[in-house]
Amino acid sequence: MPVRNLGVPVAFLEHAKRAQVLIDIGLTAQEISRTIVETWAKSADLASDMPASAP
């Protein structure tokens, strides 16, 4: 299963309201959900491409 790190980057962030900072760094609920769904879909595609293991 792939692992995705989601968090605040180690960088200077411009001063803004919390909501705007989260939008700028892609950590809104919508962006996090999209990332999870895309990562899950990619891992499902990769798993379906792998040959079935022998019993």
C-alpha atoms as a PDB file:
ATOM      1  CA  MET A   1       0.000   0.000   0.000  1.00  0.00           C
ATOM      2  CA  PRO A   2       1.490   3.372  -0.965  1.00  0.00           C
ATOM      3  CA  VAL A   3       2.072   5.928   1.752  1.00  0.00           C
ATOM      4  CA  ARG A   4       1.413   9.620   1.229  1.00  0.00           C
ATOM      5  CA  ASN A   5       2.674  12.228   3.654  1.00  0.00           C
ATOM      6  CA  LEU A   6       0.240  15.082   4.089  1.00  0.00           C
ATOM      7  CA  GLY A   7       1.306  17.993   6.223  1.00  0.00           C
ATOM      8  CA  VAL A   8       2.675  21.484   6.445  1.00  0.00           C
ATOM      9  CA  PRO A   9       5.868  21.874   4.405  1.00  0.00           C
ATOM     10  CA  VAL A  10       9.097  22.885   6.122  1.00  0.00           C
ATOM     11  CA  ALA A  11       9.170  26.318   4.537  1.00  0.00           C
ATOM     12  CA  PHE A  12       8.207  29.878   5.300  1.00  0.00           C
ATOM     13  CA  LEU A  13       4.492  30.352   4.745  1.00  0.00           C
ATOM     14  CA  GLU A  14       3.062  33.753   3.974  1.00  0.00           C
ATOM     15  CA  HIS A  15       0.974  35.239   6.760  1.00  0.00           C
ATOM     16  CA  ALA A  16      -2.729  34.740   6.186  1.00  0.00           C
ATOM     17  CA  LYS A  17      -5.844  33.452   7.848  1.00  0.00           C
ATOM     18  CA  ARG A  18      -5.683  29.743   8.719  1.00  0.00           C
ATOM     19  CA  ALA A  19      -8.194  28.833   6.014  1.00  0.00           C
ATOM     20  CA  GLN A  20      -6.132  30.593   3.335  1.00  0.00           C
ATOM     21  CA  VAL A  21      -2.895  28.930   4.455  1.00  0.00           C
ATOM     22  CA  LEU A  22      -4.574  25.507   4.254  1.00  0.00           C
ATOM     23  CA  ILE A  23      -5.825  26.308   0.745  1.00  0.00           C
ATOM     24  CA  ASP A  24      -2.355  27.478  -0.322  1.00  0.00           C
ATOM     25  CA  ILE A  25      -0.654  24.267   0.838  1.00  0.00           C
ATOM     26  CA  GLY A  26      -3.421  21.907  -0.301  1.00  0.00           C
ATOM     27  CA  LEU A  27      -4.600  20.784   3.117  1.00  0.00           C
ATOM     28  CA  THR A  28      -8.296  21.501   2.868  1.00  0.00           C
ATOM     29  CA  ALA A  29     -10.710  18.647   3.523  1.00  0.00           C
ATOM     30  CA  GLN A  30     -11.517  18.521  -0.191  1.00  0.00           C
ATOM     31  CA  GLU A  31      -7.842  18.351  -1.260  1.00  0.00           C
ATOM     32  CA  ILE A  32      -7.017  15.689   1.333  1.00  0.00           C
ATOM     33  CA  SER A  33     -10.007  13.597   0.222  1.00  0.00           C
ATOM     34  CA  ARG A  34      -9.006  13.954  -3.434  1.00  0.00           C
ATOM     35  CA  THR A  35      -5.434  12.891  -2.667  1.00  0.00           C
ATOM     36  CA  ILE A  36      -6.626   9.824  -0.751  1.00  0.00           C
ATOM     37  CA  VAL A  37      -9.019   8.751  -3.517  1.00  0.00           C
ATOM     38  CA  GLU A  38      -6.397   9.265  -6.248  1.00  0.00           C
ATOM     39  CA  THR A  39      -3.728   7.372  -4.296  1.00  0.00           C
ATOM     40  CA  TRP A  40      -6.136   4.510  -3.573  1.00  0.00           C
ATOM     41  CA  ALA A  41      -7.210   4.347  -7.225  1.00  0.00           C
ATOM     42  CA  LYS A  42      -3.588   4.229  -8.410  1.00  0.00           C
ATOM     43  CA  SER A  43      -2.746   1.442  -5.958  1.00  0.00           C
ATOM     44  CA  ALA A  44      -5.815  -0.521  -7.082  1.00  0.00           C
ATOM     45  CA  ASP A  45      -4.714  -0.112 -10.723  1.00  0.00           C
ATOM     46  CA  LEU A  46      -1.208  -1.310  -9.883  1.00  0.00           C
ATOM     47  CA  ALA A  47      -2.556  -4.304  -7.974  1.00  0.00           C
ATOM     48  CA  SER A  48      -4.773  -5.331 -10.884  1.00  0.00           C
ATOM     49  CA  ASP A  49      -1.765  -5.210 -13.244  1.00  0.00           C
ATOM     50  CA  MET A  50       0.249  -7.624 -11.096  1.00  0.00           C
ATOM     51  CA  PRO A  51       0.112 -11.322 -11.975  1.00  0.00           C
ATOM     52  CA  ALA A  52      -1.769 -13.527  -9.552  1.00  0.00           C
ATOM     53  CA  SER A  53       0.528 -15.353  -7.174  1.00  0.00           C
ATOM     54  CA  ALA A  54       0.662 -19.112  -7.368  1.00  0.00           C
ATOM     55  CA  PRO A  55      -0.916 -21.003  -4.455  1.00  0.00           C
END
